[in-house]
Amino acid sequence: MPKMLELTLIHDGTHWVARNQDLAASAESLEELDRVVGQLLKRTGRLRAGEKLSVLMAFDNSTIPQWIRQYAQHYFNRVVDYSGSDG
């Protein structure tokens, strides 16, 4: 089973931002954010060759208006799997 890392996900109006107390990455699209996070994990040594790592990106619901939260209780959360052998 791969290791799991948790990041909080927000949209700041122009960029998707994934962060925790140790890491932060941002990009204009989710696809690009996935690439940036993968590069950051490798650069910081959190993902090494031959390893697998799952990243939970949990959306921070406090960034959406209170009135809509009842309709979007989990706006969205996503899990992205990374491999140390990915390009």
N, C-alpha and C. Protein backbone atom coordinates (compact mmCIF):
# COMPACT_ATOMS: atom_id res chain seq x y z
N MET A 1 0.84 -1.19 0.00
CA MET A 1 0.00 0.00 0.00
C MET A 1 0.89 1.25 0.00
N PRO A 2 0.60 2.22 -0.89
CA PRO A 2 1.41 3.43 -0.95
C PRO A 2 1.26 4.28 0.31
N LYS A 3 2.26 5.07 0.60
CA LYS A 3 2.17 6.05 1.69
C LYS A 3 1.17 7.12 1.27
N MET A 4 0.61 7.83 2.28
CA MET A 4 -0.37 8.88 2.00
C MET A 4 0.13 10.21 2.56
N LEU A 5 -0.01 11.24 1.76
CA LEU A 5 0.31 12.60 2.16
C LEU A 5 -0.96 13.42 1.98
N GLU A 6 -1.26 14.30 2.92
CA GLU A 6 -2.46 15.13 2.83
C GLU A 6 -2.09 16.58 2.55
N LEU A 7 -2.80 17.15 1.59
CA LEU A 7 -2.67 18.57 1.25
C LEU A 7 -4.05 19.19 1.26
N THR A 8 -4.13 20.46 1.60
CA THR A 8 -5.39 21.20 1.51
C THR A 8 -5.43 21.86 0.14
N LEU A 9 -6.59 21.80 -0.49
CA LEU A 9 -6.76 22.33 -1.85
C LEU A 9 -7.70 23.53 -1.82
N ILE A 10 -7.28 24.62 -2.46
CA ILE A 10 -8.15 25.79 -2.62
C ILE A 10 -8.00 26.31 -4.05
N HIS A 11 -8.90 27.20 -4.42
CA HIS A 11 -8.74 27.96 -5.66
C HIS A 11 -8.73 29.42 -5.25
N ASP A 12 -7.68 30.14 -5.62
CA ASP A 12 -7.54 31.52 -5.16
C ASP A 12 -8.12 32.54 -6.14
N GLY A 13 -8.85 32.06 -7.11
CA GLY A 13 -9.43 32.95 -8.12
C GLY A 13 -8.73 32.83 -9.46
N THR A 14 -7.48 32.45 -9.44
CA THR A 14 -6.74 32.23 -10.69
C THR A 14 -5.97 30.91 -10.69
N HIS A 15 -5.58 30.44 -9.52
CA HIS A 15 -4.76 29.23 -9.43
C HIS A 15 -5.34 28.23 -8.43
N TRP A 16 -5.11 26.96 -8.70
CA TRP A 16 -5.34 25.91 -7.73
C TRP A 16 -4.11 25.85 -6.84
N VAL A 17 -4.31 25.79 -5.55
CA VAL A 17 -3.21 25.76 -4.59
C VAL A 17 -3.38 24.54 -3.69
N ALA A 18 -2.34 23.74 -3.60
CA ALA A 18 -2.31 22.57 -2.71
C ALA A 18 -1.19 22.79 -1.73
N ARG A 19 -1.51 22.67 -0.42
CA ARG A 19 -0.47 22.95 0.57
C ARG A 19 -0.76 22.24 1.89
N ASN A 20 0.30 22.10 2.66
CA ASN A 20 0.21 21.71 4.05
C ASN A 20 1.26 22.54 4.80
N GLN A 21 1.61 22.16 6.01
CA GLN A 21 2.56 22.97 6.78
C GLN A 21 3.98 22.93 6.19
N ASP A 22 4.27 21.94 5.35
CA ASP A 22 5.63 21.78 4.81
C ASP A 22 5.77 22.08 3.32
N LEU A 23 4.69 21.92 2.56
CA LEU A 23 4.76 22.02 1.10
C LEU A 23 3.69 22.98 0.58
N ALA A 24 3.96 23.58 -0.57
CA ALA A 24 2.97 24.41 -1.25
C ALA A 24 3.26 24.38 -2.74
N ALA A 25 2.19 24.21 -3.52
CA ALA A 25 2.31 24.20 -4.98
C ALA A 25 1.08 24.89 -5.55
N SER A 26 1.24 25.54 -6.68
CA SER A 26 0.09 26.17 -7.33
C SER A 26 0.23 26.07 -8.84
N ALA A 27 -0.93 26.09 -9.51
CA ALA A 27 -0.97 26.01 -10.97
C ALA A 27 -2.33 26.47 -11.45
N GLU A 28 -2.42 26.82 -12.73
CA GLU A 28 -3.68 27.31 -13.28
C GLU A 28 -4.70 26.20 -13.51
N SER A 29 -4.25 24.96 -13.72
CA SER A 29 -5.18 23.86 -13.94
C SER A 29 -4.85 22.72 -12.97
N LEU A 30 -5.82 21.84 -12.76
CA LEU A 30 -5.58 20.69 -11.90
C LEU A 30 -4.55 19.76 -12.52
N GLU A 31 -4.59 19.61 -13.82
CA GLU A 31 -3.60 18.76 -14.51
C GLU A 31 -2.19 19.28 -14.27
N GLU A 32 -2.02 20.58 -14.41
CA GLU A 32 -0.71 21.19 -14.18
C GLU A 32 -0.32 21.09 -12.70
N LEU A 33 -1.29 21.26 -11.80
CA LEU A 33 -1.01 21.13 -10.37
C LEU A 33 -0.49 19.74 -10.05
N ASP A 34 -1.09 18.72 -10.65
CA ASP A 34 -0.61 17.34 -10.42
C ASP A 34 0.86 17.20 -10.80
N ARG A 35 1.25 17.78 -11.92
CA ARG A 35 2.65 17.73 -12.36
C ARG A 35 3.56 18.48 -11.39
N VAL A 36 3.13 19.67 -10.99
CA VAL A 36 3.94 20.50 -10.09
C VAL A 36 4.11 19.80 -8.74
N VAL A 37 3.05 19.21 -8.22
CA VAL A 37 3.15 18.49 -6.95
C VAL A 37 4.12 17.31 -7.09
N GLY A 38 4.02 16.56 -8.18
CA GLY A 38 4.93 15.44 -8.40
C GLY A 38 6.38 15.88 -8.43
N GLN A 39 6.65 16.98 -9.12
CA GLN A 39 8.01 17.51 -9.19
C GLN A 39 8.49 17.96 -7.81
N LEU A 40 7.61 18.60 -7.06
CA LEU A 40 7.95 19.06 -5.72
C LEU A 40 8.25 17.89 -4.78
N LEU A 41 7.47 16.83 -4.88
CA LEU A 41 7.69 15.65 -4.04
C LEU A 41 9.06 15.04 -4.31
N LYS A 42 9.43 14.98 -5.58
CA LYS A 42 10.75 14.42 -5.94
C LYS A 42 11.88 15.35 -5.50
N ARG A 43 11.71 16.65 -5.74
CA ARG A 43 12.74 17.62 -5.41
C ARG A 43 13.01 17.67 -3.90
N THR A 44 11.97 17.47 -3.10
CA THR A 44 12.12 17.53 -1.64
C THR A 44 12.47 16.18 -1.02
N GLY A 45 12.58 15.14 -1.86
CA GLY A 45 12.94 13.82 -1.36
C GLY A 45 11.80 13.04 -0.73
N ARG A 46 10.59 13.53 -0.86
CA ARG A 46 9.44 12.81 -0.31
C ARG A 46 8.99 11.66 -1.20
N LEU A 47 9.47 11.66 -2.44
CA LEU A 47 9.16 10.58 -3.39
C LEU A 47 10.47 10.19 -4.07
N ARG A 48 10.91 8.99 -3.80
CA ARG A 48 12.18 8.50 -4.37
C ARG A 48 11.90 7.43 -5.41
N ALA A 49 12.90 7.12 -6.20
CA ALA A 49 12.78 6.09 -7.23
C ALA A 49 12.28 4.79 -6.61
N GLY A 50 11.31 4.19 -7.26
CA GLY A 50 10.75 2.92 -6.81
C GLY A 50 9.66 3.04 -5.76
N GLU A 51 9.45 4.22 -5.23
CA GLU A 51 8.41 4.41 -4.22
C GLU A 51 7.09 4.82 -4.86
N LYS A 52 6.02 4.60 -4.11
CA LYS A 52 4.70 5.07 -4.51
C LYS A 52 4.16 5.94 -3.38
N LEU A 53 3.43 6.99 -3.75
CA LEU A 53 2.88 7.90 -2.77
C LEU A 53 1.52 8.36 -3.26
N SER A 54 0.51 8.27 -2.40
CA SER A 54 -0.81 8.80 -2.71
C SER A 54 -0.94 10.15 -2.01
N VAL A 55 -1.48 11.13 -2.72
CA VAL A 55 -1.67 12.47 -2.16
C VAL A 55 -3.16 12.77 -2.13
N LEU A 56 -3.69 12.95 -0.92
CA LEU A 56 -5.07 13.37 -0.76
C LEU A 56 -5.09 14.88 -0.80
N MET A 57 -5.82 15.44 -1.75
CA MET A 57 -6.01 16.88 -1.84
C MET A 57 -7.44 17.14 -1.40
N ALA A 58 -7.60 17.55 -0.15
CA ALA A 58 -8.92 17.78 0.43
C ALA A 58 -9.28 19.26 0.28
N PHE A 59 -10.40 19.52 -0.36
CA PHE A 59 -10.81 20.89 -0.62
C PHE A 59 -11.18 21.59 0.68
N ASP A 60 -10.71 22.81 0.85
CA ASP A 60 -11.01 23.62 2.04
C ASP A 60 -12.35 24.31 1.83
N ASN A 61 -13.40 23.73 2.41
CA ASN A 61 -14.75 24.26 2.22
C ASN A 61 -14.93 25.67 2.77
N SER A 62 -14.05 26.11 3.65
CA SER A 62 -14.20 27.46 4.20
C SER A 62 -13.97 28.53 3.13
N THR A 63 -13.46 28.15 1.97
CA THR A 63 -13.20 29.13 0.91
C THR A 63 -14.41 29.36 0.01
N ILE A 64 -15.49 28.60 0.22
CA ILE A 64 -16.69 28.82 -0.57
C ILE A 64 -17.75 29.47 0.33
N PRO A 65 -18.69 30.22 -0.24
CA PRO A 65 -19.68 30.92 0.57
C PRO A 65 -20.48 29.98 1.47
N GLN A 66 -20.79 30.46 2.67
CA GLN A 66 -21.52 29.67 3.66
C GLN A 66 -22.83 29.12 3.10
N TRP A 67 -23.58 29.93 2.35
CA TRP A 67 -24.91 29.52 1.90
C TRP A 67 -24.87 28.32 0.97
N ILE A 68 -23.76 28.10 0.28
CA ILE A 68 -23.71 26.98 -0.67
C ILE A 68 -23.12 25.72 -0.05
N ARG A 69 -22.51 25.83 1.10
CA ARG A 69 -21.85 24.67 1.71
C ARG A 69 -22.81 23.51 1.96
N GLN A 70 -24.05 23.81 2.27
CA GLN A 70 -25.01 22.73 2.51
C GLN A 70 -25.27 21.91 1.25
N TYR A 71 -25.03 22.48 0.09
CA TYR A 71 -25.25 21.77 -1.17
C TYR A 71 -23.95 21.15 -1.71
N ALA A 72 -22.84 21.54 -1.14
CA ALA A 72 -21.54 21.05 -1.62
C ALA A 72 -20.69 20.67 -0.41
N GLN A 73 -21.16 19.70 0.36
CA GLN A 73 -20.50 19.36 1.61
C GLN A 73 -19.06 18.91 1.43
N HIS A 74 -18.73 18.39 0.30
CA HIS A 74 -17.36 17.94 0.05
C HIS A 74 -16.91 18.46 -1.30
N TYR A 75 -17.19 19.73 -1.58
CA TYR A 75 -17.01 20.33 -2.90
C TYR A 75 -16.29 19.37 -3.82
N PHE A 76 -15.11 19.04 -3.51
CA PHE A 76 -14.49 17.83 -4.03
C PHE A 76 -13.18 17.58 -3.33
N ASN A 77 -12.91 16.33 -3.16
CA ASN A 77 -11.63 15.87 -2.65
C ASN A 77 -11.07 14.96 -3.72
N ARG A 78 -9.76 14.88 -3.80
CA ARG A 78 -9.17 14.04 -4.83
C ARG A 78 -7.94 13.35 -4.29
N VAL A 79 -7.68 12.17 -4.83
CA VAL A 79 -6.48 11.42 -4.49
C VAL A 79 -5.69 11.22 -5.78
N VAL A 80 -4.43 11.62 -5.75
CA VAL A 80 -3.56 11.47 -6.91
C VAL A 80 -2.42 10.54 -6.50
N ASP A 81 -2.21 9.51 -7.29
CA ASP A 81 -1.14 8.53 -7.01
C ASP A 81 0.10 8.89 -7.82
N TYR A 82 1.22 8.91 -7.13
CA TYR A 82 2.51 9.20 -7.75
C TYR A 82 3.43 8.02 -7.60
N SER A 83 4.32 7.88 -8.57
CA SER A 83 5.32 6.82 -8.54
C SER A 83 6.68 7.46 -8.76
N GLY A 84 7.67 6.98 -8.04
CA GLY A 84 9.03 7.50 -8.17
C GLY A 84 9.62 7.30 -9.55
N SER A 85 8.97 6.47 -10.36
CA SER A 85 9.48 6.24 -11.70
C SER A 85 8.76 7.09 -12.74
N ASP A 86 7.74 7.89 -12.31
CA ASP A 86 7.03 8.76 -13.25
C ASP A 86 7.97 9.82 -13.78
N GLY A 87 7.74 10.21 -15.05
CA GLY A 87 8.58 11.22 -15.68
C GLY A 87 8.33 12.54 -15.18
